[in-house]
Amino acid sequence: MNILCTVCVRAGSKGLKGKNFIRINNRYLISYTLDVAIKSKLFTHIVVSTDSRKIRALKKNYKKVDFIKRPK
């Protein structure tokens, strides 16, 4: 069975600006989400859907995750 994990990330947060790039213990907040998804081994495919170039630039750190551009 194939199980898809989707992580939807907006560039402009309304509540806390730039929250995905807040550093906690020298790691971005979004990194915790992706690391847990990978380490869980529950998913056969992990996709990040985002309108942010900065988030898509994380692709180099996450070879097992696909990043797709979505419209604002």
PDB file of N, CA and C in Angstrom:
ATOM      1  N   MET A   1       0.843  -1.171   0.000  1.00  0.00           N
ATOM      2  CA  MET A   1       0.000   0.000   0.000  1.00  0.00           C
ATOM      3  C   MET A   1       0.895   1.242   0.000  1.00  0.00           C
ATOM      4  N   ASN A   2       0.528   2.247  -0.793  1.00  0.00           N
ATOM      5  CA  ASN A   2       1.238   3.516  -0.833  1.00  0.00           C
ATOM      6  C   ASN A   2       0.523   4.539   0.033  1.00  0.00           C
ATOM      7  N   ILE A   3       1.292   5.230   0.855  1.00  0.00           N
ATOM      8  CA  ILE A   3       0.722   6.257   1.728  1.00  0.00           C
ATOM      9  C   ILE A   3       1.451   7.567   1.462  1.00  0.00           C
ATOM     10  N   LEU A   4       0.681   8.599   1.122  1.00  0.00           N
ATOM     11  CA  LEU A   4       1.218   9.910   0.800  1.00  0.00           C
ATOM     12  C   LEU A   4       1.115  10.835   2.004  1.00  0.00           C
ATOM     13  N   CYS A   5       2.188  11.557   2.267  1.00  0.00           N
ATOM     14  CA  CYS A   5       2.195  12.591   3.303  1.00  0.00           C
ATOM     15  C   CYS A   5       2.315  13.931   2.594  1.00  0.00           C
ATOM     16  N   THR A   6       1.370  14.824   2.826  1.00  0.00           N
ATOM     17  CA  THR A   6       1.467  16.164   2.247  1.00  0.00           C
ATOM     18  C   THR A   6       1.683  17.169   3.370  1.00  0.00           C
ATOM     19  N   VAL A   7       2.623  18.066   3.139  1.00  0.00           N
ATOM     20  CA  VAL A   7       2.908  19.140   4.083  1.00  0.00           C
ATOM     21  C   VAL A   7       2.659  20.437   3.321  1.00  0.00           C
ATOM     22  N   CYS A   8       1.627  21.160   3.688  1.00  0.00           N
ATOM     23  CA  CYS A   8       1.255  22.391   2.996  1.00  0.00           C
ATOM     24  C   CYS A   8       1.799  23.577   3.790  1.00  0.00           C
ATOM     25  N   VAL A   9       2.661  24.358   3.133  1.00  0.00           N
ATOM     26  CA  VAL A   9       3.364  25.437   3.823  1.00  0.00           C
ATOM     27  C   VAL A   9       3.188  26.733   3.040  1.00  0.00           C
ATOM     28  N   ARG A  10       2.563  27.720   3.689  1.00  0.00           N
ATOM     29  CA  ARG A  10       2.413  29.044   3.075  1.00  0.00           C
ATOM     30  C   ARG A  10       3.620  29.905   3.375  1.00  0.00           C
ATOM     31  N   ALA A  11       3.946  30.779   2.439  1.00  0.00           N
ATOM     32  CA  ALA A  11       5.063  31.704   2.650  1.00  0.00           C
ATOM     33  C   ALA A  11       4.687  32.773   3.675  1.00  0.00           C
ATOM     34  N   GLY A  12       3.482  33.295   3.588  1.00  0.00           N
ATOM     35  CA  GLY A  12       3.077  34.392   4.470  1.00  0.00           C
ATOM     36  C   GLY A  12       2.103  33.947   5.532  1.00  0.00           C
ATOM     37  N   SER A  13       2.621  33.639   6.692  1.00  0.00           N
ATOM     38  CA  SER A  13       1.761  33.244   7.800  1.00  0.00           C
ATOM     39  C   SER A  13       1.007  34.462   8.316  1.00  0.00           C
ATOM     40  N   LYS A  14      -0.250  34.285   8.619  1.00  0.00           N
ATOM     41  CA  LYS A  14      -1.044  35.400   9.153  1.00  0.00           C
ATOM     42  C   LYS A  14      -0.839  35.573  10.649  1.00  0.00           C
ATOM     43  N   GLY A  15      -0.644  34.485  11.367  1.00  0.00           N
ATOM     44  CA  GLY A  15      -0.516  34.568  12.812  1.00  0.00           C
ATOM     45  C   GLY A  15       0.872  34.965  13.276  1.00  0.00           C
ATOM     46  N   LEU A  16       1.874  34.257  12.807  1.00  0.00           N
ATOM     47  CA  LEU A  16       3.256  34.493  13.222  1.00  0.00           C
ATOM     48  C   LEU A  16       4.120  34.545  11.964  1.00  0.00           C
ATOM     49  N   LYS A  17       4.522  35.734  11.588  1.00  0.00           N
ATOM     50  CA  LYS A  17       5.266  35.939  10.340  1.00  0.00           C
ATOM     51  C   LYS A  17       6.560  35.127  10.317  1.00  0.00           C
ATOM     52  N   GLY A  18       6.752  34.398   9.221  1.00  0.00           N
ATOM     53  CA  GLY A  18       7.986  33.632   9.033  1.00  0.00           C
ATOM     54  C   GLY A  18       8.172  32.487  10.007  1.00  0.00           C
ATOM     55  N   LYS A  19       7.070  31.929  10.507  1.00  0.00           N
ATOM     56  CA  LYS A  19       7.175  30.917  11.563  1.00  0.00           C
ATOM     57  C   LYS A  19       7.949  29.669  11.132  1.00  0.00           C
ATOM     58  N   ASN A  20       7.906  29.309   9.866  1.00  0.00           N
ATOM     59  CA  ASN A  20       8.607  28.116   9.426  1.00  0.00           C
ATOM     60  C   ASN A  20      10.117  28.259   9.479  1.00  0.00           C
ATOM     61  N   PHE A  21      10.605  29.481   9.550  1.00  0.00           N
ATOM     62  CA  PHE A  21      12.041  29.705   9.627  1.00  0.00           C
ATOM     63  C   PHE A  21      12.489  30.246  10.982  1.00  0.00           C
ATOM     64  N   ILE A  22      11.631  30.090  11.964  1.00  0.00           N
ATOM     65  CA  ILE A  22      12.049  30.366  13.337  1.00  0.00           C
ATOM     66  C   ILE A  22      12.971  29.222  13.749  1.00  0.00           C
ATOM     67  N   ARG A  23      14.080  29.564  14.365  1.00  0.00           N
ATOM     68  CA  ARG A  23      15.027  28.532  14.790  1.00  0.00           C
ATOM     69  C   ARG A  23      14.751  28.113  16.233  1.00  0.00           C
ATOM     70  N   ILE A  24      14.667  26.809  16.420  1.00  0.00           N
ATOM     71  CA  ILE A  24      14.539  26.207  17.744  1.00  0.00           C
ATOM     72  C   ILE A  24      15.654  25.182  17.842  1.00  0.00           C
ATOM     73  N   ASN A  25      16.527  25.348  18.818  1.00  0.00           N
ATOM     74  CA  ASN A  25      17.711  24.485  18.943  1.00  0.00           C
ATOM     75  C   ASN A  25      18.512  24.450  17.643  1.00  0.00           C
ATOM     76  N   ASN A  26      18.651  25.600  17.026  1.00  0.00           N
ATOM     77  CA  ASN A  26      19.432  25.791  15.804  1.00  0.00           C
ATOM     78  C   ASN A  26      18.866  25.033  14.594  1.00  0.00           C
ATOM     79  N   ARG A  27      17.574  24.722  14.608  1.00  0.00           N
ATOM     80  CA  ARG A  27      16.900  24.072  13.474  1.00  0.00           C
ATOM     81  C   ARG A  27      15.632  24.834  13.167  1.00  0.00           C
ATOM     82  N   TYR A  28      15.297  24.891  11.877  1.00  0.00           N
ATOM     83  CA  TYR A  28      14.056  25.548  11.472  1.00  0.00           C
ATOM     84  C   TYR A  28      12.853  24.740  11.935  1.00  0.00           C
ATOM     85  N   LEU A  29      11.768  25.415  12.221  1.00  0.00           N
ATOM     86  CA  LEU A  29      10.538  24.753  12.652  1.00  0.00           C
ATOM     87  C   LEU A  29      10.053  23.747  11.610  1.00  0.00           C
ATOM     88  N   ILE A  30      10.110  24.115  10.336  1.00  0.00           N
ATOM     89  CA  ILE A  30       9.670  23.212   9.264  1.00  0.00           C
ATOM     90  C   ILE A  30      10.523  21.939   9.216  1.00  0.00           C
ATOM     91  N   SER A  31      11.779  22.039   9.636  1.00  0.00           N
ATOM     92  CA  SER A  31      12.667  20.874   9.631  1.00  0.00           C
ATOM     93  C   SER A  31      12.183  19.795  10.586  1.00  0.00           C
ATOM     94  N   TYR A  32      11.626  20.194  11.715  1.00  0.00           N
ATOM     95  CA  TYR A  32      11.096  19.213  12.668  1.00  0.00           C
ATOM     96  C   TYR A  32       9.969  18.400  12.029  1.00  0.00           C
ATOM     97  N   THR A  33       9.087  19.074  11.315  1.00  0.00           N
ATOM     98  CA  THR A  33       7.968  18.390  10.660  1.00  0.00           C
ATOM     99  C   THR A  33       8.471  17.376   9.641  1.00  0.00           C
ATOM    100  N   LEU A  34       9.402  17.797   8.805  1.00  0.00           N
ATOM    101  CA  LEU A  34       9.917  16.912   7.756  1.00  0.00           C
ATOM    102  C   LEU A  34      10.708  15.749   8.347  1.00  0.00           C
ATOM    103  N   ASP A  35      11.509  16.012   9.358  1.00  0.00           N
ATOM    104  CA  ASP A  35      12.290  14.948   9.981  1.00  0.00           C
ATOM    105  C   ASP A  35      11.406  13.879  10.621  1.00  0.00           C
ATOM    106  N   VAL A  36      10.345  14.308  11.273  1.00  0.00           N
ATOM    107  CA  VAL A  36       9.430  13.342  11.898  1.00  0.00           C
ATOM    108  C   VAL A  36       8.731  12.498  10.833  1.00  0.00           C
ATOM    109  N   ALA A  37       8.319  13.132   9.741  1.00  0.00           N
ATOM    110  CA  ALA A  37       7.657  12.390   8.663  1.00  0.00           C
ATOM    111  C   ALA A  37       8.592  11.342   8.063  1.00  0.00           C
ATOM    112  N   ILE A  38       9.849  11.715   7.871  1.00  0.00           N
ATOM    113  CA  ILE A  38      10.826  10.773   7.303  1.00  0.00           C
ATOM    114  C   ILE A  38      11.132   9.651   8.283  1.00  0.00           C
ATOM    115  N   LYS A  39      11.396   9.997   9.529  1.00  0.00           N
ATOM    116  CA  LYS A  39      11.784   8.995  10.525  1.00  0.00           C
ATOM    117  C   LYS A  39      10.649   8.048  10.894  1.00  0.00           C
ATOM    118  N   SER A  40       9.413   8.460  10.687  1.00  0.00           N
ATOM    119  CA  SER A  40       8.279   7.600  11.039  1.00  0.00           C
ATOM    120  C   SER A  40       8.211   6.358  10.165  1.00  0.00           C
ATOM    121  N   LYS A  41       8.727   6.450   8.950  1.00  0.00           N
ATOM    122  CA  LYS A  41       8.701   5.349   7.978  1.00  0.00           C
ATOM    123  C   LYS A  41       7.284   4.864   7.681  1.00  0.00           C
ATOM    124  N   LEU A  42       6.299   5.725   7.936  1.00  0.00           N
ATOM    125  CA  LEU A  42       4.905   5.401   7.643  1.00  0.00           C
ATOM    126  C   LEU A  42       4.550   5.721   6.197  1.00  0.00           C
ATOM    127  N   PHE A  43       5.290   6.645   5.597  1.00  0.00           N
ATOM    128  CA  PHE A  43       4.905   7.185   4.303  1.00  0.00           C
ATOM    129  C   PHE A  43       5.806   6.665   3.187  1.00  0.00           C
ATOM    130  N   THR A  44       5.187   6.341   2.071  1.00  0.00           N
ATOM    131  CA  THR A  44       5.964   5.931   0.913  1.00  0.00           C
ATOM    132  C   THR A  44       6.381   7.133   0.083  1.00  0.00           C
ATOM    133  N   HIS A  45       5.703   8.253   0.290  1.00  0.00           N
ATOM    134  CA  HIS A  45       6.012   9.465  -0.466  1.00  0.00           C
ATOM    135  C   HIS A  45       5.669  10.686   0.385  1.00  0.00           C
ATOM    136  N   ILE A  46       6.599  11.646   0.441  1.00  0.00           N
ATOM    137  CA  ILE A  46       6.388  12.878   1.197  1.00  0.00           C
ATOM    138  C   ILE A  46       6.513  14.049   0.237  1.00  0.00           C
ATOM    139  N   VAL A  47       5.496  14.918   0.234  1.00  0.00           N
ATOM    140  CA  VAL A  47       5.469  16.065  -0.670  1.00  0.00           C
ATOM    141  C   VAL A  47       5.204  17.335   0.127  1.00  0.00           C
ATOM    142  N   VAL A  48       6.017  18.367  -0.140  1.00  0.00           N
ATOM    143  CA  VAL A  48       5.796  19.685   0.449  1.00  0.00           C
ATOM    144  C   VAL A  48       5.241  20.580  -0.650  1.00  0.00           C
ATOM    145  N   SER A  49       4.080  21.132  -0.413  1.00  0.00           N
ATOM    146  CA  SER A  49       3.451  22.067  -1.341  1.00  0.00           C
ATOM    147  C   SER A  49       3.599  23.463  -0.757  1.00  0.00           C
ATOM    148  N   THR A  50       4.276  24.358  -1.518  1.00  0.00           N
ATOM    149  CA  THR A  50       4.541  25.682  -0.980  1.00  0.00           C
ATOM    150  C   THR A  50       4.639  26.730  -2.076  1.00  0.00           C
ATOM    151  N   ASP A  51       4.380  27.966  -1.693  1.00  0.00           N
ATOM    152  CA  ASP A  51       4.543  29.092  -2.605  1.00  0.00           C
ATOM    153  C   ASP A  51       5.817  29.872  -2.273  1.00  0.00           C
ATOM    154  N   SER A  52       6.659  29.325  -1.413  1.00  0.00           N
ATOM    155  CA  SER A  52       7.867  30.005  -0.952  1.00  0.00           C
ATOM    156  C   SER A  52       9.128  29.434  -1.612  1.00  0.00           C
ATOM    157  N   ARG A  53       9.915  30.309  -2.208  1.00  0.00           N
ATOM    158  CA  ARG A  53      11.201  29.882  -2.786  1.00  0.00           C
ATOM    159  C   ARG A  53      12.154  29.418  -1.688  1.00  0.00           C
ATOM    160  N   LYS A  54      12.119  30.097  -0.568  1.00  0.00           N
ATOM    161  CA  LYS A  54      13.016  29.768   0.541  1.00  0.00           C
ATOM    162  C   LYS A  54      12.755  28.352   1.067  1.00  0.00           C
ATOM    163  N   ILE A  55      11.509  27.982   1.146  1.00  0.00           N
ATOM    164  CA  ILE A  55      11.166  26.637   1.605  1.00  0.00           C
ATOM    165  C   ILE A  55      11.549  25.603   0.554  1.00  0.00           C
ATOM    166  N   ARG A  56      11.314  25.911  -0.716  1.00  0.00           N
ATOM    167  CA  ARG A  56      11.711  24.983  -1.780  1.00  0.00           C
ATOM    168  C   ARG A  56      13.224  24.813  -1.843  1.00  0.00           C
ATOM    169  N   ALA A  57      13.970  25.804  -1.362  1.00  0.00           N
ATOM    170  CA  ALA A  57      15.431  25.712  -1.334  1.00  0.00           C
ATOM    171  C   ALA A  57      15.916  24.648  -0.341  1.00  0.00           C
ATOM    172  N   LEU A  58      15.059  24.214   0.555  1.00  0.00           N
ATOM    173  CA  LEU A  58      15.420  23.156   1.503  1.00  0.00           C
ATOM    174  C   LEU A  58      15.569  21.794   0.822  1.00  0.00           C
ATOM    175  N   LYS A  59      15.191  21.720  -0.436  1.00  0.00           N
ATOM    176  CA  LYS A  59      15.258  20.469  -1.200  1.00  0.00           C
ATOM    177  C   LYS A  59      16.633  19.822  -1.089  1.00  0.00           C
ATOM    178  N   LYS A  60      17.676  20.650  -1.081  1.00  0.00           N
ATOM    179  CA  LYS A  60      19.040  20.094  -1.014  1.00  0.00           C
ATOM    180  C   LYS A  60      19.294  19.331   0.284  1.00  0.00           C
ATOM    181  N   ASN A  61      18.549  19.650   1.342  1.00  0.00           N
ATOM    182  CA  ASN A  61      18.713  18.968   2.624  1.00  0.00           C
ATOM    183  C   ASN A  61      17.813  17.746   2.774  1.00  0.00           C
ATOM    184  N   TYR A  62      16.795  17.652   1.926  1.00  0.00           N
ATOM    185  CA  TYR A  62      15.802  16.574   2.042  1.00  0.00           C
ATOM    186  C   TYR A  62      15.637  15.873   0.704  1.00  0.00           C
ATOM    187  N   LYS A  63      16.505  14.915   0.440  1.00  0.00           N
ATOM    188  CA  LYS A  63      16.489  14.191  -0.839  1.00  0.00           C
ATOM    189  C   LYS A  63      15.257  13.286  -0.967  1.00  0.00           C
ATOM    190  N   LYS A  64      14.700  12.837   0.152  1.00  0.00           N
ATOM    191  CA  LYS A  64      13.559  11.916   0.129  1.00  0.00           C
ATOM    192  C   LYS A  64      12.220  12.636   0.035  1.00  0.00           C
ATOM    193  N   VAL A  65      12.254  13.965   0.010  1.00  0.00           N
ATOM    194  CA  VAL A  65      11.027  14.761  -0.005  1.00  0.00           C
ATOM    195  C   VAL A  65      10.928  15.513  -1.333  1.00  0.00           C
ATOM    196  N   ASP A  66       9.742  15.493  -1.925  1.00  0.00           N
ATOM    197  CA  ASP A  66       9.503  16.277  -3.145  1.00  0.00           C
ATOM    198  C   ASP A  66       8.893  17.610  -2.760  1.00  0.00           C
ATOM    199  N   PHE A  67       9.373  18.670  -3.397  1.00  0.00           N
ATOM    200  CA  PHE A  67       8.851  20.018  -3.165  1.00  0.00           C
ATOM    201  C   PHE A  67       8.188  20.470  -4.440  1.00  0.00           C
ATOM    202  N   ILE A  68       6.949  20.913  -4.335  1.00  0.00           N
ATOM    203  CA  ILE A  68       6.247  21.415  -5.512  1.00  0.00           C
ATOM    204  C   ILE A  68       5.800  22.853  -5.283  1.00  0.00           C
ATOM    205  N   LYS A  69       5.819  23.619  -6.358  1.00  0.00           N
ATOM    206  CA  LYS A  69       5.392  25.008  -6.288  1.00  0.00           C
ATOM    207  C   LYS A  69       3.883  25.069  -6.467  1.00  0.00           C
ATOM    208  N   ARG A  70       3.248  25.810  -5.619  1.00  0.00           N
ATOM    209  CA  ARG A  70       1.804  26.009  -5.762  1.00  0.00           C
ATOM    210  C   ARG A  70       1.518  27.494  -5.890  1.00  0.00           C
ATOM    211  N   PRO A  71       0.395  27.841  -6.476  1.00  0.00           N
ATOM    212  CA  PRO A  71       0.073  29.261  -6.621  1.00  0.00           C
ATOM    213  C   PRO A  71      -0.245  29.912  -5.280  1.00  0.00           C
ATOM    214  N   LYS A  72       0.006  31.223  -5.213  1.00  0.00           N
ATOM    215  CA  LYS A  72      -0.305  31.954  -3.979  1.00  0.00           C
ATOM    216  C   LYS A  72      -1.791  31.970  -3.831  1.00  0.00           C
TER     217      LYS A  72
END
